[in-house]
Amino acid sequence: MTAPDRASVEAVLRDLASGALAPRRAADWASGVLRELPDDEDVDDVVLDALDRLSGADLPSGPGVLLHSLDDFRAWHAAFHEGEPS
């Protein structure tokens, strides 16, 4: 598997930030991509940072409560557009 391009990652971030994509689905997708990337794959730092963030989109902060909110997802989306890894 090769790393997704920026457009693909941006689409997931956009859908997550708008509420159209569930955090669990975004996290599952990003985790799967990260798991399948070859160790020697040269991945765009901005894409890699976004995948890392997305893989934790469904982290709980307590029973039935997610650590991250729509506000966080919107901030992730904005940071992605700035084009700088965190």
Protein backbone atom coordinates (compact mmCIF):
# COMPACT_ATOMS: atom_id res chain seq x y z
CA MET A 1 0.00 0.00 0.00
CA THR A 2 1.17 3.50 -0.73
CA ALA A 3 0.32 6.56 1.30
CA PRO A 4 -2.83 8.41 0.29
CA ASP A 5 -2.41 11.74 -1.45
CA ARG A 6 -3.27 15.04 0.19
CA ALA A 7 -6.64 15.21 -1.56
CA SER A 8 -7.73 11.88 -0.10
CA VAL A 9 -6.66 12.85 3.41
CA GLU A 10 -8.30 16.25 3.06
CA ALA A 11 -11.58 14.59 2.10
CA VAL A 12 -11.55 12.47 5.26
CA LEU A 13 -10.68 15.49 7.41
CA ARG A 14 -13.41 17.57 5.76
CA ASP A 15 -16.04 14.89 6.30
CA LEU A 16 -14.96 14.34 9.89
CA ALA A 17 -14.97 18.08 10.63
CA SER A 18 -18.46 18.47 9.15
CA GLY A 19 -19.86 15.51 11.08
CA ALA A 20 -20.51 13.54 7.89
CA LEU A 21 -17.98 10.88 8.91
CA ALA A 22 -17.99 9.18 12.30
CA PRO A 23 -14.77 9.42 14.33
CA ARG A 24 -14.59 5.63 14.49
CA ARG A 25 -14.65 5.31 10.70
CA ALA A 26 -11.98 8.00 10.28
CA ALA A 27 -9.79 6.37 12.93
CA ASP A 28 -10.21 2.91 11.41
CA TRP A 29 -9.28 4.20 7.96
CA ALA A 30 -6.20 6.10 9.15
CA SER A 31 -5.04 3.27 11.41
CA GLY A 32 -5.34 0.82 8.53
CA VAL A 33 -3.33 3.06 6.24
CA LEU A 34 -0.60 3.52 8.86
CA ARG A 35 -0.49 -0.21 9.57
CA GLU A 36 -0.10 -1.08 5.88
CA LEU A 37 2.53 1.52 4.95
CA PRO A 38 5.91 -0.05 4.18
CA ASP A 39 8.66 1.04 6.59
CA ASP A 40 10.66 2.47 3.72
CA GLU A 41 7.76 4.52 2.29
CA ASP A 42 8.66 8.20 1.98
CA VAL A 43 5.47 9.88 3.20
CA ASP A 44 4.65 13.58 3.02
CA ASP A 45 5.02 14.91 6.60
CA VAL A 46 1.70 16.76 6.40
CA VAL A 47 -0.10 13.58 5.32
CA LEU A 48 1.64 11.52 7.99
CA ASP A 49 0.74 14.03 10.71
CA ALA A 50 -2.90 14.06 9.58
CA LEU A 51 -3.03 10.24 9.52
CA ASP A 52 -1.62 10.17 13.04
CA ARG A 53 -4.26 12.62 14.26
CA LEU A 54 -7.05 10.81 12.44
CA SER A 55 -6.02 7.47 13.91
CA GLY A 56 -6.88 8.89 17.33
CA ALA A 57 -10.19 10.51 16.36
CA ASP A 58 -12.18 7.97 18.36
CA LEU A 59 -10.09 7.95 21.54
CA PRO A 60 -12.28 7.94 24.65
CA SER A 61 -11.79 10.35 27.54
CA GLY A 62 -14.19 8.37 29.68
CA PRO A 63 -17.10 5.97 29.38
CA GLY A 64 -19.10 6.98 26.32
CA VAL A 65 -17.23 10.27 25.90
CA LEU A 66 -14.75 11.02 23.13
CA LEU A 67 -11.53 12.90 23.82
CA HIS A 68 -11.86 14.95 20.62
CA SER A 69 -14.81 17.04 19.47
CA LEU A 70 -15.99 18.58 16.22
CA ASP A 71 -14.03 21.69 17.21
CA ASP A 72 -10.85 19.60 17.34
CA PHE A 73 -11.63 18.02 13.99
CA ARG A 74 -12.17 21.45 12.48
CA ALA A 75 -8.82 22.59 13.89
CA TRP A 76 -7.13 19.50 12.37
CA HIS A 77 -8.70 20.33 9.03
CA ALA A 78 -7.51 23.94 9.25
CA ALA A 79 -3.99 22.85 10.24
CA PHE A 80 -3.90 20.50 7.26
CA HIS A 81 -4.72 23.41 4.96
CA GLU A 82 -1.85 25.39 6.46
CA GLY A 83 0.36 22.59 5.17
CA GLU A 84 2.58 22.29 8.19
CA PRO A 85 2.98 19.18 10.34
CA SER A 86 2.50 19.77 14.06
